PDB file of N, CA and C in Angstrom:
ATOM      1  N   UNK A   1     200.114  18.003  53.433  1.00  0.00           N
ATOM      2  CA  UNK A   1     201.082  18.829  53.047  1.00  0.00           C
ATOM      3  C   UNK A   1     202.255  18.329  53.272  1.00  0.00           C
ATOM      4  N   UNK A   2     203.162  18.341  52.505  1.00  0.00           N
ATOM      5  CA  UNK A   2     204.460  17.533  52.577  1.00  0.00           C
ATOM      6  C   UNK A   2     205.658  18.241  53.892  1.00  0.00           C
ATOM      7  N   UNK A   3     206.209  17.206  54.448  1.00  0.00           N
ATOM      8  CA  UNK A   3     207.051  17.737  55.602  1.00  0.00           C
ATOM      9  C   UNK A   3     208.002  17.996  54.939  1.00  0.00           C
ATOM     10  N   UNK A   4     208.560  19.167  55.845  1.00  0.00           N
ATOM     11  CA  UNK A   4     209.907  20.035  55.332  1.00  0.00           C
ATOM     12  C   UNK A   4     211.079  19.209  55.370  1.00  0.00           C
ATOM     13  N   UNK A   5     212.259  19.509  54.663  1.00  0.00           N
ATOM     14  CA  UNK A   5     213.199  18.944  54.482  1.00  0.00           C
ATOM     15  C   UNK A   5     214.402  19.255  55.743  1.00  0.00           C
ATOM     16  N   UNK A   6     215.163  18.490  56.422  1.00  0.00           N
ATOM     17  CA  UNK A   6     215.665  18.937  57.362  1.00  0.00           C
ATOM     18  C   UNK A   6     216.488  20.150  56.880  1.00  0.00           C
ATOM     19  N   UNK A   7     217.330  20.018  55.693  1.00  0.00           N
ATOM     20  CA  UNK A   7     217.664  21.465  55.049  1.00  0.00           C
ATOM     21  C   UNK A   7     217.399  22.470  55.293  1.00  0.00           C
ATOM     22  N   UNK A   8     215.803  22.557  54.769  1.00  0.00           N
ATOM     23  CA  UNK A   8     214.882  23.458  54.841  1.00  0.00           C
ATOM     24  C   UNK A   8     214.831  23.984  56.253  1.00  0.00           C
ATOM     25  N   UNK A   9     214.676  23.198  57.357  1.00  0.00           N
ATOM     26  CA  UNK A   9     214.316  23.558  58.601  1.00  0.00           C
ATOM     27  C   UNK A   9     215.799  24.189  58.975  1.00  0.00           C
ATOM     28  N   UNK A  10     216.980  23.799  58.632  1.00  0.00           N
ATOM     29  CA  UNK A  10     218.200  24.060  59.034  1.00  0.00           C
ATOM     30  C   UNK A  10     218.515  25.850  58.227  1.00  0.00           C
ATOM     31  N   UNK A  11     218.170  25.615  57.598  1.00  0.00           N
ATOM     32  CA  UNK A  11     218.194  27.432  56.671  1.00  0.00           C
ATOM     33  C   UNK A  11     217.337  28.193  57.124  1.00  0.00           C
ATOM     34  N   UNK A  12     215.896  27.908  57.587  1.00  0.00           N
ATOM     35  CA  UNK A  12     214.966  28.704  58.453  1.00  0.00           C
ATOM     36  C   UNK A  12     215.536  29.134  59.568  1.00  0.00           C
ATOM     37  N   UNK A  13     216.152  28.348  60.398  1.00  0.00           N
ATOM     38  CA  UNK A  13     216.589  28.490  61.445  1.00  0.00           C
ATOM     39  C   UNK A  13     217.752  29.535  61.502  1.00  0.00           C
ATOM     40  N   UNK A  14     218.734  29.289  60.754  1.00  0.00           N
ATOM     41  CA  UNK A  14     219.801  29.959  60.704  1.00  0.00           C
ATOM     42  C   UNK A  14     219.352  31.696  60.220  1.00  0.00           C
ATOM     43  N   UNK A  15     218.330  31.451  59.178  1.00  0.00           N
ATOM     44  CA  UNK A  15     217.724  32.923  59.114  1.00  0.00           C
ATOM     45  C   UNK A  15     216.948  33.640  60.253  1.00  0.00           C
ATOM     46  N   UNK A  16     216.628  32.908  61.158  1.00  0.00           N
ATOM     47  CA  UNK A  16     216.000  33.304  62.186  1.00  0.00           C
ATOM     48  C   UNK A  16     216.905  34.340  62.885  1.00  0.00           C
ATOM     49  N   UNK A  17     218.062  33.313  63.282  1.00  0.00           N
ATOM     50  CA  UNK A  17     219.270  33.528  64.111  1.00  0.00           C
ATOM     51  C   UNK A  17     219.836  34.802  63.608  1.00  0.00           C
ATOM     52  N   UNK A  18     220.168  34.646  62.279  1.00  0.00           N
ATOM     53  CA  UNK A  18     220.496  36.200  61.776  1.00  0.00           C
ATOM     54  C   UNK A  18     219.693  37.327  61.968  1.00  0.00           C
ATOM     55  N   UNK A  19     218.691  37.089  61.539  1.00  0.00           N
ATOM     56  CA  UNK A  19     217.571  38.270  61.852  1.00  0.00           C
ATOM     57  C   UNK A  19     217.554  38.811  63.371  1.00  0.00           C
ATOM     58  N   UNK A  20     217.493  37.950  64.396  1.00  0.00           N
ATOM     59  CA  UNK A  20     217.493  37.790  65.785  1.00  0.00           C
ATOM     60  C   UNK A  20     218.839  38.738  65.938  1.00  0.00           C
ATOM     61  N   UNK A  21     220.119  38.304  65.312  1.00  0.00           N
ATOM     62  CA  UNK A  21     221.624  39.131  65.725  1.00  0.00           C
ATOM     63  C   UNK A  21     221.542  40.293  65.181  1.00  0.00           C
ATOM     64  N   UNK A  22     220.753  40.784  64.111  1.00  0.00           N
ATOM     65  CA  UNK A  22     220.740  42.094  63.838  1.00  0.00           C
ATOM     66  C   UNK A  22     219.960  42.882  64.381  1.00  0.00           C
ATOM     67  N   UNK A  23     218.908  42.302  64.859  1.00  0.00           N
ATOM     68  CA  UNK A  23     217.617  43.042  65.878  1.00  0.00           C
ATOM     69  C   UNK A  23     218.733  43.395  66.865  1.00  0.00           C
ATOM     70  N   UNK A  24     219.176  42.638  67.496  1.00  0.00           N
ATOM     71  CA  UNK A  24     219.916  43.186  68.615  1.00  0.00           C
ATOM     72  C   UNK A  24     220.909  44.044  68.656  1.00  0.00           C
ATOM     73  N   UNK A  25     221.788  44.057  67.315  1.00  0.00           N
ATOM     74  CA  UNK A  25     222.801  45.007  66.836  1.00  0.00           C
ATOM     75  C   UNK A  25     222.380  46.165  66.744  1.00  0.00           C
ATOM     76  N   UNK A  26     220.949  46.358  66.110  1.00  0.00           N
ATOM     77  CA  UNK A  26     220.421  47.628  66.020  1.00  0.00           C
ATOM     78  C   UNK A  26     219.844  48.254  67.353  1.00  0.00           C
ATOM     79  N   UNK A  27     219.595  47.287  68.437  1.00  0.00           N
ATOM     80  CA  UNK A  27     219.245  47.929  69.400  1.00  0.00           C
ATOM     81  C   UNK A  27     220.546  48.480  70.373  1.00  0.00           C
ATOM     82  N   UNK A  28     221.728  47.990  69.911  1.00  0.00           N
ATOM     83  CA  UNK A  28     222.643  48.212  70.329  1.00  0.00           C
ATOM     84  C   UNK A  28     223.407  49.766  70.136  1.00  0.00           C
ATOM     85  N   UNK A  29     222.977  49.907  68.828  1.00  0.00           N
ATOM     86  CA  UNK A  29     223.588  50.885  67.921  1.00  0.00           C
ATOM     87  C   UNK A  29     222.995  52.155  68.406  1.00  0.00           C
ATOM     88  N   UNK A  30     221.314  51.992  69.020  1.00  0.00           N
ATOM     89  CA  UNK A  30     220.638  53.146  69.247  1.00  0.00           C
ATOM     90  C   UNK A  30     221.111  53.473  70.699  1.00  0.00           C
ATOM     91  N   UNK A  31     221.241  52.466  71.437  1.00  0.00           N
ATOM     92  CA  UNK A  31     221.713  52.623  72.818  1.00  0.00           C
ATOM     93  C   UNK A  31     222.885  53.604  73.056  1.00  0.00           C
ATOM     94  N   UNK A  32     223.709  53.539  71.929  1.00  0.00           N
ATOM     95  CA  UNK A  32     225.055  54.228  72.048  1.00  0.00           C
ATOM     96  C   UNK A  32     225.025  55.364  71.252  1.00  0.00           C
ATOM     97  N   UNK A  33     223.816  55.578  70.249  1.00  0.00           N
ATOM     98  CA  UNK A  33     223.548  56.864  69.821  1.00  0.00           C
ATOM     99  C   UNK A  33     222.567  57.646  70.634  1.00  0.00           C
ATOM    100  N   UNK A  34     221.860  57.230  71.583  1.00  0.00           N
ATOM    101  CA  UNK A  34     221.186  58.229  72.246  1.00  0.00           C
ATOM    102  C   UNK A  34     222.422  58.731  73.550  1.00  0.00           C
ATOM    103  N   UNK A  35     223.196  57.677  74.010  1.00  0.00           N
ATOM    104  CA  UNK A  35     224.330  58.359  74.935  1.00  0.00           C
ATOM    105  C   UNK A  35     225.110  59.419  74.363  1.00  0.00           C
ATOM    106  N   UNK A  36     225.220  59.541  72.982  1.00  0.00           N
ATOM    107  CA  UNK A  36     225.989  60.730  72.478  1.00  0.00           C
ATOM    108  C   UNK A  36     224.834  61.774  72.214  1.00  0.00           C
ATOM    109  N   UNK A  37     223.558  61.244  72.143  1.00  0.00           N
ATOM    110  CA  UNK A  37     222.638  62.609  71.636  1.00  0.00           C
ATOM    111  C   UNK A  37     222.336  63.020  72.980  1.00  0.00           C
ATOM    112  N   UNK A  38     222.402  62.341  74.221  1.00  0.00           N
ATOM    113  CA  UNK A  38     222.199  62.912  75.665  1.00  0.00           C
ATOM    114  C   UNK A  38     223.142  64.162  75.469  1.00  0.00           C
ATOM    115  N   UNK A  39     224.595  63.903  75.134  1.00  0.00           N
ATOM    116  CA  UNK A  39     225.572  65.182  75.442  1.00  0.00           C
ATOM    117  C   UNK A  39     224.906  66.296  74.526  1.00  0.00           C
ATOM    118  N   UNK A  40     224.287  66.286  73.438  1.00  0.00           N
ATOM    119  CA  UNK A  40     223.653  67.260  72.724  1.00  0.00           C
ATOM    120  C   UNK A  40     222.723  68.014  73.533  1.00  0.00           C
ATOM    121  N   UNK A  41     221.600  67.017  73.872  1.00  0.00           N
ATOM    122  CA  UNK A  41     220.678  67.191  75.009  1.00  0.00           C
ATOM    123  C   UNK A  41     220.912  68.536  76.163  1.00  0.00           C
ATOM    124  N   UNK A  42     222.153  67.690  76.652  1.00  0.00           N
ATOM    125  CA  UNK A  42     222.892  69.100  77.712  1.00  0.00           C
ATOM    126  C   UNK A  42     223.267  70.177  77.586  1.00  0.00           C
ATOM    127  N   UNK A  43     223.927  70.188  75.962  1.00  0.00           N
ATOM    128  CA  UNK A  43     224.574  71.202  75.205  1.00  0.00           C
ATOM    129  C   UNK A  43     223.371  72.158  75.161  1.00  0.00           C
ATOM    130  N   UNK A  44     222.094  71.788  74.793  1.00  0.00           N
ATOM    131  CA  UNK A  44     220.952  72.511  74.394  1.00  0.00           C
ATOM    132  C   UNK A  44     220.590  73.129  75.868  1.00  0.00           C
ATOM    133  N   UNK A  45     220.106  72.292  76.844  1.00  0.00           N
ATOM    134  CA  UNK A  45     220.179  73.019  78.129  1.00  0.00           C
ATOM    135  C   UNK A  45     220.952  74.164  78.871  1.00  0.00           C
ATOM    136  N   UNK A  46     222.427  73.767  78.446  1.00  0.00           N
ATOM    137  CA  UNK A  46     223.090  74.593  78.922  1.00  0.00           C
ATOM    138  C   UNK A  46     222.897  76.040  78.322  1.00  0.00           C
ATOM    139  N   UNK A  47     222.472  76.026  77.078  1.00  0.00           N
ATOM    140  CA  UNK A  47     222.147  77.398  76.251  1.00  0.00           C
ATOM    141  C   UNK A  47     221.144  78.158  76.712  1.00  0.00           C
ATOM    142  N   UNK A  48     220.166  77.455  77.615  1.00  0.00           N
ATOM    143  CA  UNK A  48     219.055  78.333  77.993  1.00  0.00           C
ATOM    144  C   UNK A  48     218.644  78.214  79.677  1.00  0.00           C
ATOM    145  N   UNK A  49     219.781  77.601  80.306  1.00  0.00           N
ATOM    146  CA  UNK A  49     219.375  77.831  81.730  1.00  0.00           C
ATOM    147  C   UNK A  49     220.358  78.738  82.506  1.00  0.00           C
ATOM    148  N   UNK A  50     220.923  79.758  82.051  1.00  0.00           N
ATOM    149  CA  UNK A  50     221.690  80.770  82.139  1.00  0.00           C
ATOM    150  C   UNK A  50     220.999  81.735  83.686  1.00  0.00           C
ATOM    151  N   UNK A  51     219.934  82.036  83.655  1.00  0.00           N
ATOM    152  CA  UNK A  51     219.475  82.477  84.759  1.00  0.00           C
ATOM    153  C   UNK A  51     218.915  81.543  85.838  1.00  0.00           C
ATOM    154  N   UNK A  52     218.989  80.298  85.572  1.00  0.00           N
ATOM    155  CA  UNK A  52     218.595  79.451  86.712  1.00  0.00           C
ATOM    156  C   UNK A  52     219.802  79.010  87.517  1.00  0.00           C
ATOM    157  N   UNK A  53     221.113  79.032  86.291  1.00  0.00           N
ATOM    158  CA  UNK A  53     222.276  78.852  87.365  1.00  0.00           C
ATOM    159  C   UNK A  53     222.653  79.840  88.209  1.00  0.00           C
ATOM    160  N   UNK A  54     222.112  81.042  87.738  1.00  0.00           N
ATOM    161  CA  UNK A  54     222.633  82.286  88.323  1.00  0.00           C
ATOM    162  C   UNK A  54     222.238  82.659  89.785  1.00  0.00           C
ATOM    163  N   UNK A  55     220.792  81.991  89.755  1.00  0.00           N
ATOM    164  CA  UNK A  55     220.325  82.149  91.069  1.00  0.00           C
ATOM    165  C   UNK A  55     220.723  80.831  92.037  1.00  0.00           C
ATOM    166  N   UNK A  56     221.519  80.026  91.468  1.00  0.00           N
ATOM    167  CA  UNK A  56     222.128  78.756  92.445  1.00  0.00           C
ATOM    168  C   UNK A  56     221.072  77.184  92.380  1.00  0.00           C
ATOM    169  N   UNK A  57     220.479  77.349  91.370  1.00  0.00           N
ATOM    170  CA  UNK A  57     219.406  76.011  91.090  1.00  0.00           C
ATOM    171  C   UNK A  57     220.479  74.443  90.591  1.00  0.00           C
ATOM    172  N   UNK A  58     219.938  73.629  91.238  1.00  0.00           N
ATOM    173  CA  UNK A  58     220.836  72.477  90.656  1.00  0.00           C
ATOM    174  C   UNK A  58     220.587  72.139  89.212  1.00  0.00           C
ATOM    175  N   UNK A  59     221.434  71.418  88.461  1.00  0.00           N
ATOM    176  CA  UNK A  59     221.037  71.148  87.141  1.00  0.00           C
ATOM    177  C   UNK A  59     219.279  70.024  87.179  1.00  0.00           C
ATOM    178  N   UNK A  60     219.391  69.187  87.967  1.00  0.00           N
ATOM    179  CA  UNK A  60     217.967  68.490  87.730  1.00  0.00           C
ATOM    180  C   UNK A  60     216.480  69.495  87.627  1.00  0.00           C
ATOM    181  N   UNK A  61     216.876  70.345  88.650  1.00  0.00           N
ATOM    182  CA  UNK A  61     215.620  71.855  88.613  1.00  0.00           C
ATOM    183  C   UNK A  61     215.488  72.466  87.514  1.00  0.00           C
ATOM    184  N   UNK A  62     216.684  72.772  86.934  1.00  0.00           N
ATOM    185  CA  UNK A  62     216.818  73.588  85.951  1.00  0.00           C
ATOM    186  C   UNK A  62     216.494  72.761  84.311  1.00  0.00           C
ATOM    187  N   UNK A  63     216.318  71.472  84.609  1.00  0.00           N
ATOM    188  CA  UNK A  63     215.891  70.989  83.594  1.00  0.00           C
ATOM    189  C   UNK A  63     214.430  70.748  83.581  1.00  0.00           C
ATOM    190  N   UNK A  64     213.844  70.794  84.805  1.00  0.00           N
ATOM    191  CA  UNK A  64     212.510  70.667  84.819  1.00  0.00           C
ATOM    192  C   UNK A  64     211.980  71.831  84.537  1.00  0.00           C
ATOM    193  N   UNK A  65     212.333  73.106  84.899  1.00  0.00           N
ATOM    194  CA  UNK A  65     212.079  73.999  84.857  1.00  0.00           C
ATOM    195  C   UNK A  65     211.903  74.364  83.094  1.00  0.00           C
ATOM    196  N   UNK A  66     212.984  74.151  82.391  1.00  0.00           N
ATOM    197  CA  UNK A  66     213.418  74.186  81.106  1.00  0.00           C
ATOM    198  C   UNK A  66     212.268  73.519  80.281  1.00  0.00           C
ATOM    199  N   UNK A  67     211.883  72.213  80.602  1.00  0.00           N
ATOM    200  CA  UNK A  67     211.317  71.023  79.948  1.00  0.00           C
ATOM    201  C   UNK A  67     209.781  71.544  80.189  1.00  0.00           C
ATOM    202  N   UNK A  68     209.284  72.400  81.311  1.00  0.00           N
ATOM    203  CA  UNK A  68     207.763  73.056  81.345  1.00  0.00           C
ATOM    204  C   UNK A  68     207.703  74.627  80.761  1.00  0.00           C
ATOM    205  N   UNK A  69     208.465  75.155  80.091  1.00  0.00           N
ATOM    206  CA  UNK A  69     208.416  76.060  79.519  1.00  0.00           C
ATOM    207  C   UNK A  69     208.901  77.333  80.031  1.00  0.00           C
ATOM    208  N   UNK A  70     209.807  77.103  81.494  1.00  0.00           N
ATOM    209  CA  UNK A  70     209.936  78.572  82.354  1.00  0.00           C
ATOM    210  C   UNK A  70     211.432  78.894  81.975  1.00  0.00           C
ATOM    211  N   UNK A  71     211.772  79.556  81.256  1.00  0.00           N
ATOM    212  CA  UNK A  71     213.157  79.987  81.078  1.00  0.00           C
ATOM    213  C   UNK A  71     213.538  81.121  81.984  1.00  0.00           C
ATOM    214  N   UNK A  72     212.563  81.774  82.681  1.00  0.00           N
ATOM    215  CA  UNK A  72     212.893  83.153  83.499  1.00  0.00           C
ATOM    216  C   UNK A  72     212.205  83.282  84.762  1.00  0.00           C
ATOM    217  N   UNK A  73     212.805  84.150  85.571  1.00  0.00           N
ATOM    218  CA  UNK A  73     211.810  84.185  86.967  1.00  0.00           C
ATOM    219  C   UNK A  73     210.547  84.386  86.879  1.00  0.00           C
ATOM    220  N   UNK A  74     210.332  85.111  85.705  1.00  0.00           N
ATOM    221  CA  UNK A  74     208.584  85.944  85.550  1.00  0.00           C
ATOM    222  C   UNK A  74     208.084  85.091  84.871  1.00  0.00           C
ATOM    223  N   UNK A  75     208.410  84.282  84.235  1.00  0.00           N
ATOM    224  CA  UNK A  75     207.971  82.716  83.756  1.00  0.00           C
ATOM    225  C   UNK A  75     206.797  82.195  84.927  1.00  0.00           C
ATOM    226  N   UNK A  76     207.841  82.338  86.182  1.00  0.00           N
ATOM    227  CA  UNK A  76     207.071  81.417  87.522  1.00  0.00           C
ATOM    228  C   UNK A  76     205.823  81.834  87.520  1.00  0.00           C
ATOM    229  N   UNK A  77     205.370  83.110  87.219  1.00  0.00           N
ATOM    230  CA  UNK A  77     204.092  83.484  87.735  1.00  0.00           C
ATOM    231  C   UNK A  77     202.755  82.957  86.983  1.00  0.00           C
ATOM    232  N   UNK A  78     203.298  82.030  85.730  1.00  0.00           N
ATOM    233  CA  UNK A  78     202.292  81.173  85.048  1.00  0.00           C
ATOM    234  C   UNK A  78     201.756  80.273  85.661  1.00  0.00           C
ATOM    235  N   UNK A  79     202.335  79.570  86.190  1.00  0.00           N
ATOM    236  CA  UNK A  79     202.229  78.397  87.229  1.00  0.00           C
ATOM    237  C   UNK A  79     201.978  78.582  88.793  1.00  0.00           C
ATOM    238  N   UNK A  80     201.208  77.634  89.385  1.00  0.00           N
ATOM    239  CA  UNK A  80     200.897  77.693  90.987  1.00  0.00           C
ATOM    240  C   UNK A  80     202.276  77.179  91.948  1.00  0.00           C
ATOM    241  N   UNK A  81     202.236  77.527  93.101  1.00  0.00           N
ATOM    242  CA  UNK A  81     203.446  76.741  93.331  1.00  0.00           C
ATOM    243  C   UNK A  81     203.379  75.485  94.098  1.00  0.00           C
ATOM    244  N   UNK A  82     202.118  74.824  93.882  1.00  0.00           N
ATOM    245  CA  UNK A  82     202.093  73.408  94.116  1.00  0.00           C
ATOM    246  C   UNK A  82     202.451  72.681  92.594  1.00  0.00           C
ATOM    247  N   UNK A  83     201.911  73.383  91.660  1.00  0.00           N
ATOM    248  CA  UNK A  83     202.353  72.608  90.485  1.00  0.00           C
ATOM    249  C   UNK A  83     203.776  72.577  90.377  1.00  0.00           C
ATOM    250  N   UNK A  84     204.399  73.563  90.608  1.00  0.00           N
ATOM    251  CA  UNK A  84     205.943  74.162  90.545  1.00  0.00           C
ATOM    252  C   UNK A  84     206.847  72.871  91.433  1.00  0.00           C
ATOM    253  N   UNK A  85     206.120  72.669  92.876  1.00  0.00           N
ATOM    254  CA  UNK A  85     206.531  71.364  93.532  1.00  0.00           C
ATOM    255  C   UNK A  85     206.377  70.099  93.018  1.00  0.00           C
ATOM    256  N   UNK A  86     205.233  69.696  91.791  1.00  0.00           N
ATOM    257  CA  UNK A  86     204.810  68.415  91.439  1.00  0.00           C
ATOM    258  C   UNK A  86     206.012  68.049  90.248  1.00  0.00           C
ATOM    259  N   UNK A  87     206.957  69.198  89.878  1.00  0.00           N
ATOM    260  CA  UNK A  87     207.693  68.959  88.496  1.00  0.00           C
ATOM    261  C   UNK A  87     208.523  67.967  89.220  1.00  0.00           C
ATOM    262  N   UNK A  88     209.140  66.628  88.392  1.00  0.00           N
ATOM    263  CA  UNK A  88     210.095  65.898  88.370  1.00  0.00           C
ATOM    264  C   UNK A  88     211.556  66.928  88.314  1.00  0.00           C
ATOM    265  N   UNK A  89     212.677  66.319  89.756  1.00  0.00           N
ATOM    266  CA  UNK A  89     213.942  67.092  89.334  1.00  0.00           C
ATOM    267  C   UNK A  89     213.544  68.233  90.444  1.00  0.00           C
ATOM    268  N   UNK A  90     212.590  68.839  91.012  1.00  0.00           N
ATOM    269  CA  UNK A  90     211.942  70.184  91.615  1.00  0.00           C
ATOM    270  C   UNK A  90     212.279  69.675  93.268  1.00  0.00           C
ATOM    271  N   UNK A  91     213.272  69.531  93.969  1.00  0.00           N
ATOM    272  CA  UNK A  91     213.479  69.262  95.498  1.00  0.00           C
ATOM    273  C   UNK A  91     213.239  70.648  96.374  1.00  0.00           C
ATOM    274  N   UNK A  92     213.550  70.526  97.410  1.00  0.00           N
ATOM    275  CA  UNK A  92     212.921  71.291  98.526  1.00  0.00           C
ATOM    276  C   UNK A  92     213.761  72.347  98.431  1.00  0.00           C
ATOM    277  N   UNK A  93     215.208  72.303  98.287  1.00  0.00           N
ATOM    278  CA  UNK A  93     215.746  73.175  98.199  1.00  0.00           C
ATOM    279  C   UNK A  93     215.744  74.433  97.044  1.00  0.00           C
ATOM    280  N   UNK A  94     215.431  73.751  95.630  1.00  0.00           N
ATOM    281  CA  UNK A  94     215.238  74.265  94.803  1.00  0.00           C
ATOM    282  C   UNK A  94     213.677  75.300  94.979  1.00  0.00           C
ATOM    283  N   UNK A  95     212.989  74.902  95.826  1.00  0.00           N
ATOM    284  CA  UNK A  95     211.511  75.429  95.943  1.00  0.00           C
ATOM    285  C   UNK A  95     212.028  76.535  96.701  1.00  0.00           C
ATOM    286  N   UNK A  96     212.703  76.638  97.863  1.00  0.00           N
ATOM    287  CA  UNK A  96     213.225  77.134  98.888  1.00  0.00           C
ATOM    288  C   UNK A  96     213.974  78.722  97.886  1.00  0.00           C
ATOM    289  N   UNK A  97     214.969  78.338  97.166  1.00  0.00           N
ATOM    290  CA  UNK A  97     215.383  79.094  96.170  1.00  0.00           C
ATOM    291  C   UNK A  97     214.699  80.148  95.289  1.00  0.00           C
ATOM    292  N   UNK A  98     213.465  79.278  94.779  1.00  0.00           N
ATOM    293  CA  UNK A  98     212.690  80.140  94.038  1.00  0.00           C
ATOM    294  C   UNK A  98     211.521  81.013  94.397  1.00  0.00           C
ATOM    295  N   UNK A  99     211.361  80.378  95.845  1.00  0.00           N
ATOM    296  CA  UNK A  99     210.531  81.187  96.854  1.00  0.00           C
ATOM    297  C   UNK A  99     211.102  82.565  96.803  1.00  0.00           C
ATOM    298  N   UNK A 100     212.527  82.341  97.831  1.00  0.00           N
ATOM    299  CA  UNK A 100     213.198  83.432  97.995  1.00  0.00           C
ATOM    300  C   UNK A 100     213.365  84.509  96.986  1.00  0.00           C
ATOM    301  N   UNK A 101     213.486  83.898  95.541  1.00  0.00           N
ATOM    302  CA  UNK A 101     214.021  84.915  94.221  1.00  0.00           C
ATOM    303  C   UNK A 101     212.372  85.723  93.867  1.00  0.00           C
ATOM    304  N   UNK A 102     211.583  84.704  93.829  1.00  0.00           N
ATOM    305  CA  UNK A 102     210.276  85.725  93.996  1.00  0.00           C
ATOM    306  C   UNK A 102     209.818  86.758  94.589  1.00  0.00           C
ATOM    307  N   UNK A 103     210.050  86.532  96.063  1.00  0.00           N
ATOM    308  CA  UNK A 103     210.039  87.596  96.956  1.00  0.00           C
ATOM    309  C   UNK A 103     210.873  89.014  96.920  1.00  0.00           C
ATOM    310  N   UNK A 104     212.043  88.822  96.391  1.00  0.00           N
ATOM    311  CA  UNK A 104     212.862  89.319  96.187  1.00  0.00           C
ATOM    312  C   UNK A 104     212.776  90.391  94.825  1.00  0.00           C
ATOM    313  N   UNK A 105     211.859  89.672  93.500  1.00  0.00           N
ATOM    314  CA  UNK A 105     211.651  90.505  92.674  1.00  0.00           C
ATOM    315  C   UNK A 105     210.197  91.056  92.613  1.00  0.00           C
ATOM    316  N   UNK A 106     209.622  90.644  93.853  1.00  0.00           N
ATOM    317  CA  UNK A 106     208.265  91.169  94.048  1.00  0.00           C
ATOM    318  C   UNK A 106     207.284  90.690  92.898  1.00  0.00           C
ATOM    319  N   UNK A 107     207.495  89.226  92.576  1.00  0.00           N
ATOM    320  CA  UNK A 107     206.582  88.366  92.070  1.00  0.00           C
ATOM    321  C   UNK A 107     205.614  87.473  92.806  1.00  0.00           C
ATOM    322  N   UNK A 108     204.734  86.990  92.292  1.00  0.00           N
ATOM    323  CA  UNK A 108     203.937  85.769  93.035  1.00  0.00           C
ATOM    324  C   UNK A 108     203.554  84.829  92.077  1.00  0.00           C
ATOM    325  N   UNK A 109     202.864  83.643  92.751  1.00  0.00           N
ATOM    326  CA  UNK A 109     202.954  82.180  92.025  1.00  0.00           C
ATOM    327  C   UNK A 109     201.437  82.477  91.461  1.00  0.00           C
ATOM    328  N   UNK A 110     201.171  81.798  90.505  1.00  0.00           N
ATOM    329  CA  UNK A 110     199.577  81.754  90.287  1.00  0.00           C
ATOM    330  C   UNK A 110     198.845  81.102  91.479  1.00  0.00           C
ATOM    331  N   UNK A 111     197.647  81.511  91.698  1.00  0.00           N
ATOM    332  CA  UNK A 111     196.881  81.132  92.645  1.00  0.00           C
ATOM    333  C   UNK A 111     196.333  79.991  92.148  1.00  0.00           C
TER     334      UNK A 111
END
């Protein structure tokens, strides 16, 4: 097999550099679009977290409930208290608020 010429090696190296630069630019563009998409996601949460905001839950707890498909207080009957505590974003204060609201509404968690 013949040895590559220095010009061919230089050309291949330049092509590899351009491909790498294009790949980095594409990744950077995806990060920027992800940031703008997160604003759209927050708007989507705001459209369905009305009841959770009314009872005074923080945003991470609201998002955790919505992501788990729990949109109303009566939906909490579907899960156990232990499962609720395991949700990412659910803190001690949110648990206290939800337990108190469940008692007010005479609802109970799943056993």
